[in-house]
Amino acid sequence: MNEKSNSKQYDLEERTAEFARQCREFVKKLPKTTGNFEDGKQLIRSSGSQAANYIEANEALSKKDFAHRVKICRKETKENFK
């Protein structure tokens, strides 16, 4: 890794929000078929939920609460790849 990449911190709030935005852009480009409509709705819901859950995790009141919320976020992430 170079010095520039070492100095940049991974901001998962920004990355998950950007992932949700990119998913929406992707769905807009899909052909308008019944299957794509249903799958697209699910992708948009789960990607947005993943981002929202991670933001909530960062506002957790305790380490235990944070861990629980991150597990929910992880579950949403896994749903995107089924």
N, C-alpha and C. Protein backbone atom coordinates (compact mmCIF):
# COMPACT_ATOMS: atom_id res chain seq x y z
N MET A 1 0.83 -1.18 0.00
CA MET A 1 0.00 0.00 0.00
C MET A 1 0.87 1.24 0.00
N ASN A 2 0.41 2.26 -0.68
CA ASN A 2 1.17 3.50 -0.66
C ASN A 2 0.74 4.37 0.51
N GLU A 3 1.48 5.46 0.72
CA GLU A 3 1.23 6.33 1.87
C GLU A 3 -0.16 6.96 1.81
N LYS A 4 -0.60 7.33 0.62
CA LYS A 4 -1.91 7.97 0.46
C LYS A 4 -3.04 7.04 0.88
N SER A 5 -3.00 5.77 0.48
CA SER A 5 -4.06 4.84 0.85
C SER A 5 -4.02 4.51 2.34
N ASN A 6 -2.82 4.53 2.94
CA ASN A 6 -2.71 4.30 4.38
C ASN A 6 -3.34 5.43 5.18
N SER A 7 -3.28 6.64 4.68
CA SER A 7 -3.78 7.78 5.42
C SER A 7 -5.30 7.90 5.33
N LYS A 8 -5.90 7.26 4.35
CA LYS A 8 -7.35 7.35 4.19
C LYS A 8 -8.03 6.25 5.00
N GLN A 9 -8.91 6.66 5.88
CA GLN A 9 -9.66 5.71 6.70
C GLN A 9 -10.87 5.23 5.91
N TYR A 10 -11.20 3.95 6.07
CA TYR A 10 -12.40 3.43 5.45
C TYR A 10 -13.60 3.92 6.24
N ASP A 11 -14.46 4.66 5.59
CA ASP A 11 -15.66 5.16 6.25
C ASP A 11 -16.84 4.31 5.77
N LEU A 12 -17.22 3.34 6.59
CA LEU A 12 -18.27 2.41 6.16
C LEU A 12 -19.63 3.08 6.04
N GLU A 13 -19.87 4.16 6.78
CA GLU A 13 -21.14 4.88 6.59
C GLU A 13 -21.22 5.41 5.16
N GLU A 14 -20.16 6.04 4.71
CA GLU A 14 -20.13 6.57 3.34
C GLU A 14 -20.17 5.45 2.32
N ARG A 15 -19.41 4.39 2.58
CA ARG A 15 -19.34 3.28 1.62
C ARG A 15 -20.67 2.55 1.49
N THR A 16 -21.36 2.32 2.62
CA THR A 16 -22.65 1.62 2.53
C THR A 16 -23.71 2.50 1.87
N ALA A 17 -23.66 3.81 2.16
CA ALA A 17 -24.61 4.74 1.51
C ALA A 17 -24.33 4.80 0.01
N GLU A 18 -23.07 4.82 -0.36
CA GLU A 18 -22.71 4.84 -1.78
C GLU A 18 -23.13 3.53 -2.46
N PHE A 19 -22.96 2.41 -1.77
CA PHE A 19 -23.41 1.12 -2.32
C PHE A 19 -24.91 1.16 -2.60
N ALA A 20 -25.69 1.69 -1.66
CA ALA A 20 -27.14 1.78 -1.84
C ALA A 20 -27.47 2.66 -3.04
N ARG A 21 -26.76 3.78 -3.19
CA ARG A 21 -27.00 4.68 -4.32
C ARG A 21 -26.66 3.97 -5.64
N GLN A 22 -25.54 3.24 -5.67
CA GLN A 22 -25.15 2.53 -6.88
C GLN A 22 -26.14 1.43 -7.23
N CYS A 23 -26.70 0.78 -6.23
CA CYS A 23 -27.72 -0.25 -6.48
C CYS A 23 -28.94 0.37 -7.14
N ARG A 24 -29.35 1.54 -6.68
CA ARG A 24 -30.50 2.22 -7.28
C ARG A 24 -30.23 2.58 -8.74
N GLU A 25 -29.02 3.08 -9.00
CA GLU A 25 -28.63 3.42 -10.37
C GLU A 25 -28.63 2.18 -11.25
N PHE A 26 -28.13 1.07 -10.73
CA PHE A 26 -28.09 -0.19 -11.47
C PHE A 26 -29.50 -0.66 -11.83
N VAL A 27 -30.41 -0.61 -10.85
CA VAL A 27 -31.78 -1.07 -11.07
C VAL A 27 -32.46 -0.22 -12.13
N LYS A 28 -32.18 1.07 -12.16
CA LYS A 28 -32.78 1.96 -13.17
C LYS A 28 -32.40 1.54 -14.59
N LYS A 29 -31.23 0.93 -14.74
CA LYS A 29 -30.72 0.55 -16.06
C LYS A 29 -31.19 -0.82 -16.52
N LEU A 30 -31.81 -1.59 -15.63
CA LEU A 30 -32.24 -2.94 -16.00
C LEU A 30 -33.44 -2.89 -16.95
N PRO A 31 -33.55 -3.90 -17.84
CA PRO A 31 -34.74 -4.00 -18.68
C PRO A 31 -35.99 -4.14 -17.80
N LYS A 32 -37.08 -3.58 -18.25
CA LYS A 32 -38.32 -3.59 -17.47
C LYS A 32 -39.06 -4.92 -17.64
N THR A 33 -38.63 -5.92 -16.88
CA THR A 33 -39.30 -7.21 -16.88
C THR A 33 -39.86 -7.47 -15.49
N THR A 34 -40.78 -8.39 -15.39
CA THR A 34 -41.39 -8.70 -14.09
C THR A 34 -40.33 -9.19 -13.10
N GLY A 35 -39.47 -10.06 -13.55
CA GLY A 35 -38.41 -10.59 -12.67
C GLY A 35 -37.47 -9.49 -12.21
N ASN A 36 -37.05 -8.64 -13.14
CA ASN A 36 -36.15 -7.55 -12.77
C ASN A 36 -36.83 -6.57 -11.82
N PHE A 37 -38.12 -6.37 -12.01
CA PHE A 37 -38.85 -5.45 -11.14
C PHE A 37 -38.83 -5.96 -9.70
N GLU A 38 -39.16 -7.23 -9.52
CA GLU A 38 -39.19 -7.81 -8.17
C GLU A 38 -37.79 -7.89 -7.55
N ASP A 39 -36.83 -8.36 -8.33
CA ASP A 39 -35.46 -8.45 -7.82
C ASP A 39 -34.89 -7.06 -7.53
N GLY A 40 -35.20 -6.12 -8.38
CA GLY A 40 -34.73 -4.75 -8.19
C GLY A 40 -35.28 -4.13 -6.91
N LYS A 41 -36.56 -4.37 -6.65
CA LYS A 41 -37.15 -3.85 -5.41
C LYS A 41 -36.43 -4.42 -4.20
N GLN A 42 -36.15 -5.72 -4.24
CA GLN A 42 -35.47 -6.37 -3.12
C GLN A 42 -34.05 -5.84 -2.95
N LEU A 43 -33.35 -5.64 -4.04
CA LEU A 43 -31.99 -5.10 -3.97
C LEU A 43 -31.99 -3.69 -3.38
N ILE A 44 -32.91 -2.87 -3.81
CA ILE A 44 -33.00 -1.51 -3.28
C ILE A 44 -33.31 -1.53 -1.80
N ARG A 45 -34.27 -2.36 -1.38
CA ARG A 45 -34.63 -2.43 0.04
C ARG A 45 -33.46 -2.91 0.89
N SER A 46 -32.82 -3.99 0.48
CA SER A 46 -31.77 -4.56 1.31
C SER A 46 -30.52 -3.68 1.33
N SER A 47 -30.18 -3.05 0.22
CA SER A 47 -28.98 -2.19 0.21
C SER A 47 -29.22 -0.94 1.05
N GLY A 48 -30.41 -0.39 0.99
CA GLY A 48 -30.74 0.78 1.81
C GLY A 48 -30.79 0.42 3.28
N SER A 49 -31.32 -0.74 3.58
CA SER A 49 -31.40 -1.21 4.96
C SER A 49 -30.01 -1.44 5.53
N GLN A 50 -29.13 -1.99 4.73
CA GLN A 50 -27.75 -2.23 5.15
C GLN A 50 -27.10 -0.91 5.55
N ALA A 51 -27.24 0.11 4.74
CA ALA A 51 -26.65 1.41 5.04
C ALA A 51 -27.26 2.02 6.30
N ALA A 52 -28.57 1.97 6.40
CA ALA A 52 -29.25 2.55 7.57
C ALA A 52 -28.86 1.81 8.85
N ASN A 53 -28.77 0.50 8.79
CA ASN A 53 -28.39 -0.28 9.97
C ASN A 53 -26.97 0.03 10.41
N TYR A 54 -26.07 0.24 9.47
CA TYR A 54 -24.70 0.57 9.86
C TYR A 54 -24.63 1.95 10.50
N ILE A 55 -25.36 2.90 9.97
CA ILE A 55 -25.40 4.23 10.57
C ILE A 55 -25.94 4.14 11.99
N GLU A 56 -27.00 3.36 12.18
CA GLU A 56 -27.55 3.16 13.53
C GLU A 56 -26.53 2.49 14.44
N ALA A 57 -25.77 1.56 13.92
CA ALA A 57 -24.76 0.87 14.73
C ALA A 57 -23.74 1.87 15.27
N ASN A 58 -23.37 2.83 14.46
CA ASN A 58 -22.41 3.83 14.92
C ASN A 58 -22.98 4.74 16.00
N GLU A 59 -24.29 4.75 16.14
CA GLU A 59 -24.93 5.55 17.18
C GLU A 59 -25.33 4.69 18.38
N ALA A 60 -24.81 3.48 18.44
CA ALA A 60 -25.15 2.55 19.52
C ALA A 60 -24.74 3.10 20.88
N LEU A 61 -25.46 2.68 21.89
CA LEU A 61 -25.23 3.16 23.24
C LEU A 61 -24.17 2.36 23.99
N SER A 62 -23.88 1.15 23.51
CA SER A 62 -22.89 0.30 24.17
C SER A 62 -22.21 -0.57 23.12
N LYS A 63 -21.13 -1.23 23.54
CA LYS A 63 -20.44 -2.14 22.64
C LYS A 63 -21.33 -3.31 22.26
N LYS A 64 -22.12 -3.79 23.21
CA LYS A 64 -23.03 -4.90 22.94
C LYS A 64 -24.09 -4.49 21.92
N ASP A 65 -24.63 -3.29 22.08
CA ASP A 65 -25.62 -2.76 21.14
C ASP A 65 -25.00 -2.60 19.76
N PHE A 66 -23.76 -2.08 19.71
CA PHE A 66 -23.06 -1.93 18.44
C PHE A 66 -22.90 -3.28 17.75
N ALA A 67 -22.46 -4.28 18.50
CA ALA A 67 -22.25 -5.62 17.93
C ALA A 67 -23.55 -6.19 17.37
N HIS A 68 -24.63 -6.00 18.10
CA HIS A 68 -25.93 -6.50 17.64
C HIS A 68 -26.35 -5.81 16.34
N ARG A 69 -26.19 -4.51 16.30
CA ARG A 69 -26.60 -3.77 15.10
C ARG A 69 -25.72 -4.10 13.90
N VAL A 70 -24.44 -4.33 14.13
CA VAL A 70 -23.56 -4.71 13.03
C VAL A 70 -23.94 -6.10 12.51
N LYS A 71 -24.36 -6.99 13.40
CA LYS A 71 -24.82 -8.32 12.95
C LYS A 71 -26.04 -8.18 12.04
N ILE A 72 -26.94 -7.27 12.36
CA ILE A 72 -28.11 -7.02 11.51
C ILE A 72 -27.64 -6.49 10.16
N CYS A 73 -26.70 -5.57 10.19
CA CYS A 73 -26.15 -5.01 8.95
C CYS A 73 -25.52 -6.11 8.11
N ARG A 74 -24.78 -6.99 8.74
CA ARG A 74 -24.13 -8.10 8.03
C ARG A 74 -25.18 -9.02 7.39
N LYS A 75 -26.25 -9.25 8.11
CA LYS A 75 -27.34 -10.08 7.58
C LYS A 75 -27.91 -9.45 6.32
N GLU A 76 -28.13 -8.15 6.33
CA GLU A 76 -28.63 -7.46 5.15
C GLU A 76 -27.63 -7.55 3.99
N THR A 77 -26.35 -7.44 4.32
CA THR A 77 -25.31 -7.53 3.30
C THR A 77 -25.33 -8.90 2.64
N LYS A 78 -25.43 -9.94 3.45
CA LYS A 78 -25.47 -11.31 2.90
C LYS A 78 -26.68 -11.51 2.02
N GLU A 79 -27.79 -10.85 2.35
CA GLU A 79 -29.01 -10.99 1.54
C GLU A 79 -28.79 -10.43 0.14
N ASN A 80 -27.93 -9.45 0.00
CA ASN A 80 -27.64 -8.87 -1.32
C ASN A 80 -26.95 -9.87 -2.23
N PHE A 81 -26.29 -10.87 -1.65
CA PHE A 81 -25.49 -11.79 -2.45
C PHE A 81 -26.13 -13.16 -2.61
N LYS A 82 -27.38 -13.31 -2.27
CA LYS A 82 -28.07 -14.59 -2.44
C LYS A 82 -28.56 -14.74 -3.84
